[in-house]
Amino acid sequence: MNRRDKTNYYLDIAETVCERGTCLRRNFGAIIVHNDEIVSTGYNGAPRGLKNCCDLGICTREKLNVPRGQRYELCRSVHAEANCIISAARTDMLGATLYLACHNAVTGELYGDVEPCTMCKRLIINAGIKEVIVRVDRDSYNVITVSDWIENDKSIDGSEGY
């Protein structure tokens, strides 16, 4: 029997969660796992009660040709990482791992070259999450140690681009 390794198992789940995303550019799925249990899930979409970009048929950042990693205040969505954190108790996130996957909303292709935005990095740090694992392709991933963001303060102050 060829059993799936646990990291890719959780990334598979995060990738499935991203199918609920409502962005017209990129859809992210995130899950927080602590002590081998899924604590919460999140995908990118408009705040509760507001229309999603996919319902409106327009993405402001796309319309304005805003480059990746810039001007997130123009984005209608709450990011997957933020939604995941909002849905969890801090005590369940202390020392946890956040798994993240991203698909191109138009082609459905996996984007492996992503990481949380500056604001999500701040939320992840404050939540007490230990590491972020980002899917690169079906069987590979990048592991980000959150303490590295703290030690390299420039990674969260907006002075470094993606």
C-alpha atoms as a PDB file:
ATOM      1  CA  MET A   1       0.000   0.000   0.000  1.00  0.00           C
ATOM      2  CA  ASN A   2       1.350   3.405  -0.997  1.00  0.00           C
ATOM      3  CA  ARG A   3       0.017   5.723   1.701  1.00  0.00           C
ATOM      4  CA  ARG A   4       0.037   9.519   1.261  1.00  0.00           C
ATOM      5  CA  ASP A   5       2.428  11.326   3.610  1.00  0.00           C
ATOM      6  CA  LYS A   6       0.740  13.487   6.224  1.00  0.00           C
ATOM      7  CA  THR A   7       2.017  16.847   4.981  1.00  0.00           C
ATOM      8  CA  ASN A   8       0.657  16.279   1.487  1.00  0.00           C
ATOM      9  CA  TYR A   9      -2.552  14.884   2.975  1.00  0.00           C
ATOM     10  CA  TYR A  10      -3.137  18.204   4.758  1.00  0.00           C
ATOM     11  CA  LEU A  11      -2.099  20.150   1.659  1.00  0.00           C
ATOM     12  CA  ASP A  12      -4.615  18.107  -0.365  1.00  0.00           C
ATOM     13  CA  ILE A  13      -7.305  19.258   2.053  1.00  0.00           C
ATOM     14  CA  ALA A  14      -6.151  22.903   1.815  1.00  0.00           C
ATOM     15  CA  GLU A  15      -6.237  22.592  -1.957  1.00  0.00           C
ATOM     16  CA  THR A  16      -9.813  21.318  -1.798  1.00  0.00           C
ATOM     17  CA  VAL A  17     -10.759  24.224   0.484  1.00  0.00           C
ATOM     18  CA  CYS A  18      -9.484  26.698  -2.129  1.00  0.00           C
ATOM     19  CA  GLU A  19     -12.244  25.467  -4.462  1.00  0.00           C
ATOM     20  CA  ARG A  20     -14.651  27.540  -2.321  1.00  0.00           C
ATOM     21  CA  GLY A  21     -12.692  30.741  -3.027  1.00  0.00           C
ATOM     22  CA  THR A  22     -14.564  33.542  -4.768  1.00  0.00           C
ATOM     23  CA  CYS A  23     -11.705  35.625  -6.191  1.00  0.00           C
ATOM     24  CA  LEU A  24     -11.465  36.147  -9.944  1.00  0.00           C
ATOM     25  CA  ARG A  25      -7.631  36.104  -9.855  1.00  0.00           C
ATOM     26  CA  ARG A  26      -6.429  33.514  -7.335  1.00  0.00           C
ATOM     27  CA  ASN A  27      -8.144  31.198  -4.913  1.00  0.00           C
ATOM     28  CA  PHE A  28      -6.441  30.227  -1.685  1.00  0.00           C
ATOM     29  CA  GLY A  29      -7.313  27.504   0.767  1.00  0.00           C
ATOM     30  CA  ALA A  30      -5.861  27.321   4.256  1.00  0.00           C
ATOM     31  CA  ILE A  31      -6.152  24.905   7.136  1.00  0.00           C
ATOM     32  CA  ILE A  32      -4.707  25.083  10.618  1.00  0.00           C
ATOM     33  CA  VAL A  33      -3.584  21.791  12.144  1.00  0.00           C
ATOM     34  CA  HIS A  34      -2.545  21.298  15.759  1.00  0.00           C
ATOM     35  CA  ASN A  35      -1.642  17.996  17.389  1.00  0.00           C
ATOM     36  CA  ASP A  36      -2.661  16.191  14.211  1.00  0.00           C
ATOM     37  CA  GLU A  37      -6.201  17.611  14.253  1.00  0.00           C
ATOM     38  CA  ILE A  38      -7.697  20.149  11.864  1.00  0.00           C
ATOM     39  CA  VAL A  39      -8.574  23.223  13.911  1.00  0.00           C
ATOM     40  CA  SER A  40     -10.114  25.385  11.178  1.00  0.00           C
ATOM     41  CA  THR A  41     -10.302  26.019   7.455  1.00  0.00           C
ATOM     42  CA  GLY A  42     -10.523  29.203   5.410  1.00  0.00           C
ATOM     43  CA  TYR A  43     -10.725  30.390   1.835  1.00  0.00           C
ATOM     44  CA  ASN A  44     -10.661  33.856   0.303  1.00  0.00           C
ATOM     45  CA  GLY A  45     -13.998  35.585  -0.132  1.00  0.00           C
ATOM     46  CA  ALA A  46     -15.909  38.766   0.665  1.00  0.00           C
ATOM     47  CA  PRO A  47     -16.924  39.444   4.265  1.00  0.00           C
ATOM     48  CA  ARG A  48     -20.148  37.742   5.320  1.00  0.00           C
ATOM     49  CA  GLY A  49     -23.212  39.398   3.834  1.00  0.00           C
ATOM     50  CA  LEU A  50     -21.289  41.212   1.089  1.00  0.00           C
ATOM     51  CA  LYS A  51     -21.251  40.150  -2.537  1.00  0.00           C
ATOM     52  CA  ASN A  52     -18.228  38.219  -3.734  1.00  0.00           C
ATOM     53  CA  CYS A  53     -16.153  39.292  -6.719  1.00  0.00           C
ATOM     54  CA  CYS A  54     -17.327  36.217  -8.626  1.00  0.00           C
ATOM     55  CA  ASP A  55     -20.946  37.378  -8.053  1.00  0.00           C
ATOM     56  CA  LEU A  56     -20.163  40.948  -9.138  1.00  0.00           C
ATOM     57  CA  GLY A  57     -18.083  39.804 -12.104  1.00  0.00           C
ATOM     58  CA  ILE A  58     -15.306  42.280 -11.364  1.00  0.00           C
ATOM     59  CA  CYS A  59     -11.992  42.332  -9.536  1.00  0.00           C
ATOM     60  CA  THR A  60     -10.865  45.862  -8.717  1.00  0.00           C
ATOM     61  CA  ARG A  61      -7.190  44.881  -8.529  1.00  0.00           C
ATOM     62  CA  GLU A  62      -7.438  43.112 -11.900  1.00  0.00           C
ATOM     63  CA  LYS A  63      -9.270  46.082 -13.458  1.00  0.00           C
ATOM     64  CA  LEU A  64      -6.514  48.430 -12.260  1.00  0.00           C
ATOM     65  CA  ASN A  65      -3.707  46.003 -13.275  1.00  0.00           C
ATOM     66  CA  VAL A  66      -2.368  45.953  -9.716  1.00  0.00           C
ATOM     67  CA  PRO A  67       0.697  43.686  -9.537  1.00  0.00           C
ATOM     68  CA  ARG A  68       0.755  40.665  -7.271  1.00  0.00           C
ATOM     69  CA  GLY A  69       1.679  41.490  -3.685  1.00  0.00           C
ATOM     70  CA  GLN A  70       0.526  45.117  -3.828  1.00  0.00           C
ATOM     71  CA  ARG A  71      -2.493  47.228  -2.834  1.00  0.00           C
ATOM     72  CA  TYR A  72      -4.430  44.561  -0.941  1.00  0.00           C
ATOM     73  CA  GLU A  73      -6.612  47.286   0.539  1.00  0.00           C
ATOM     74  CA  LEU A  74      -8.339  47.344  -2.867  1.00  0.00           C
ATOM     75  CA  CYS A  75      -9.205  43.660  -2.579  1.00  0.00           C
ATOM     76  CA  ARG A  76     -12.781  42.842  -1.597  1.00  0.00           C
ATOM     77  CA  SER A  77     -11.838  39.470  -0.093  1.00  0.00           C
ATOM     78  CA  VAL A  78     -10.812  38.418   3.358  1.00  0.00           C
ATOM     79  CA  HIS A  79      -7.761  36.229   2.805  1.00  0.00           C
ATOM     80  CA  ALA A  80      -7.880  32.470   3.422  1.00  0.00           C
ATOM     81  CA  GLU A  81      -5.296  32.672   6.203  1.00  0.00           C
ATOM     82  CA  ALA A  82      -7.278  35.423   7.962  1.00  0.00           C
ATOM     83  CA  ASN A  83     -10.552  33.498   7.659  1.00  0.00           C
ATOM     84  CA  CYS A  84      -8.830  30.413   9.038  1.00  0.00           C
ATOM     85  CA  ILE A  85      -7.470  32.357  12.023  1.00  0.00           C
ATOM     86  CA  ILE A  86     -10.812  34.084  12.670  1.00  0.00           C
ATOM     87  CA  SER A  87     -12.477  30.667  12.938  1.00  0.00           C
ATOM     88  CA  ALA A  88     -10.069  29.265  15.539  1.00  0.00           C
ATOM     89  CA  ALA A  89      -9.359  29.802  19.212  1.00  0.00           C
ATOM     90  CA  ARG A  90      -5.861  31.115  19.902  1.00  0.00           C
ATOM     91  CA  THR A  91      -5.170  28.281  22.323  1.00  0.00           C
ATOM     92  CA  ASP A  92      -5.711  25.852  19.434  1.00  0.00           C
ATOM     93  CA  MET A  93      -3.297  27.775  17.195  1.00  0.00           C
ATOM     94  CA  LEU A  94      -0.336  28.062  19.564  1.00  0.00           C
ATOM     95  CA  GLY A  95       2.401  25.933  17.987  1.00  0.00           C
ATOM     96  CA  ALA A  96       0.141  24.886  15.104  1.00  0.00           C
ATOM     97  CA  THR A  97       0.882  24.585  11.393  1.00  0.00           C
ATOM     98  CA  LEU A  98      -0.987  26.481   8.687  1.00  0.00           C
ATOM     99  CA  TYR A  99      -1.201  24.670   5.332  1.00  0.00           C
ATOM    100  CA  LEU A 100      -1.756  26.864   2.266  1.00  0.00           C
ATOM    101  CA  ALA A 101      -2.600  26.142  -1.372  1.00  0.00           C
ATOM    102  CA  CYS A 102      -3.422  28.473  -4.254  1.00  0.00           C
ATOM    103  CA  HIS A 103      -5.038  28.029  -7.667  1.00  0.00           C
ATOM    104  CA  ASN A 104      -5.334  30.385 -10.592  1.00  0.00           C
ATOM    105  CA  ALA A 105      -9.045  31.246 -10.607  1.00  0.00           C
ATOM    106  CA  VAL A 106      -9.236  31.249 -14.419  1.00  0.00           C
ATOM    107  CA  THR A 107      -7.199  28.158 -15.343  1.00  0.00           C
ATOM    108  CA  GLY A 108      -7.489  26.197 -12.113  1.00  0.00           C
ATOM    109  CA  GLU A 109      -3.734  25.595 -12.208  1.00  0.00           C
ATOM    110  CA  LEU A 110      -1.816  25.359  -8.964  1.00  0.00           C
ATOM    111  CA  TYR A 111       0.312  28.380  -8.052  1.00  0.00           C
ATOM    112  CA  GLY A 112       3.308  27.161  -6.093  1.00  0.00           C
ATOM    113  CA  ASP A 113       5.169  30.443  -5.858  1.00  0.00           C
ATOM    114  CA  VAL A 114       3.074  32.101  -3.131  1.00  0.00           C
ATOM    115  CA  GLU A 115       3.342  33.061   0.502  1.00  0.00           C
ATOM    116  CA  PRO A 116       1.108  34.989   2.892  1.00  0.00           C
ATOM    117  CA  CYS A 117       0.833  38.737   2.363  1.00  0.00           C
ATOM    118  CA  THR A 118       2.282  41.159   4.911  1.00  0.00           C
ATOM    119  CA  MET A 119      -0.994  41.545   6.814  1.00  0.00           C
ATOM    120  CA  CYS A 120      -1.572  37.780   6.964  1.00  0.00           C
ATOM    121  CA  LYS A 121       1.996  37.301   8.202  1.00  0.00           C
ATOM    122  CA  ARG A 122       1.187  39.620  11.096  1.00  0.00           C
ATOM    123  CA  LEU A 123      -1.977  37.671  11.888  1.00  0.00           C
ATOM    124  CA  ILE A 124      -0.108  34.351  11.726  1.00  0.00           C
ATOM    125  CA  ILE A 125       2.558  35.658  14.107  1.00  0.00           C
ATOM    126  CA  ASN A 126      -0.012  36.935  16.601  1.00  0.00           C
ATOM    127  CA  ALA A 127      -2.008  33.705  16.401  1.00  0.00           C
ATOM    128  CA  GLY A 128       1.050  31.800  17.635  1.00  0.00           C
ATOM    129  CA  ILE A 129       1.290  29.598  14.545  1.00  0.00           C
ATOM    130  CA  LYS A 130       4.696  27.883  14.355  1.00  0.00           C
ATOM    131  CA  GLU A 131       5.054  27.223  10.628  1.00  0.00           C
ATOM    132  CA  VAL A 132       3.373  27.692   7.284  1.00  0.00           C
ATOM    133  CA  ILE A 133       3.580  24.981   4.638  1.00  0.00           C
ATOM    134  CA  VAL A 134       2.842  26.077   1.076  1.00  0.00           C
ATOM    135  CA  ARG A 135       2.040  23.606  -1.700  1.00  0.00           C
ATOM    136  CA  VAL A 136       4.392  23.916  -4.681  1.00  0.00           C
ATOM    137  CA  ASP A 137       3.086  20.965  -6.706  1.00  0.00           C
ATOM    138  CA  ARG A 138       1.271  17.709  -6.012  1.00  0.00           C
ATOM    139  CA  ASP A 139       4.121  16.217  -3.997  1.00  0.00           C
ATOM    140  CA  SER A 140       6.355  19.106  -2.947  1.00  0.00           C
ATOM    141  CA  TYR A 141       6.025  22.097  -0.676  1.00  0.00           C
ATOM    142  CA  ASN A 142       7.893  24.908   1.030  1.00  0.00           C
ATOM    143  CA  VAL A 143       8.118  25.113   4.803  1.00  0.00           C
ATOM    144  CA  ILE A 144       8.236  28.614   6.287  1.00  0.00           C
ATOM    145  CA  THR A 145       9.263  28.964   9.915  1.00  0.00           C
ATOM    146  CA  VAL A 146       7.251  31.848  11.376  1.00  0.00           C
ATOM    147  CA  SER A 147      10.041  32.808  13.790  1.00  0.00           C
ATOM    148  CA  ASP A 148      12.094  33.740  10.684  1.00  0.00           C
ATOM    149  CA  TRP A 149       9.568  36.522   9.962  1.00  0.00           C
ATOM    150  CA  ILE A 150      10.068  37.827  13.483  1.00  0.00           C
ATOM    151  CA  GLU A 151      13.869  37.687  13.270  1.00  0.00           C
ATOM    152  CA  ASN A 152      13.802  39.354   9.833  1.00  0.00           C
ATOM    153  CA  ASP A 153      11.395  42.174  10.626  1.00  0.00           C
ATOM    154  CA  LYS A 154      11.616  43.522   7.050  1.00  0.00           C
ATOM    155  CA  SER A 155       9.537  40.563   5.865  1.00  0.00           C
ATOM    156  CA  ILE A 156       6.462  42.030   7.584  1.00  0.00           C
ATOM    157  CA  ASP A 157       6.950  45.791   7.357  1.00  0.00           C
ATOM    158  CA  GLY A 158       6.066  46.071   3.676  1.00  0.00           C
ATOM    159  CA  SER A 159       9.576  47.087   2.602  1.00  0.00           C
ATOM    160  CA  GLU A 160      10.215  43.794   0.809  1.00  0.00           C
ATOM    161  CA  GLY A 161       8.159  42.808  -2.227  1.00  0.00           C
ATOM    162  CA  TYR A 162       7.333  39.294  -3.338  1.00  0.00           C
END
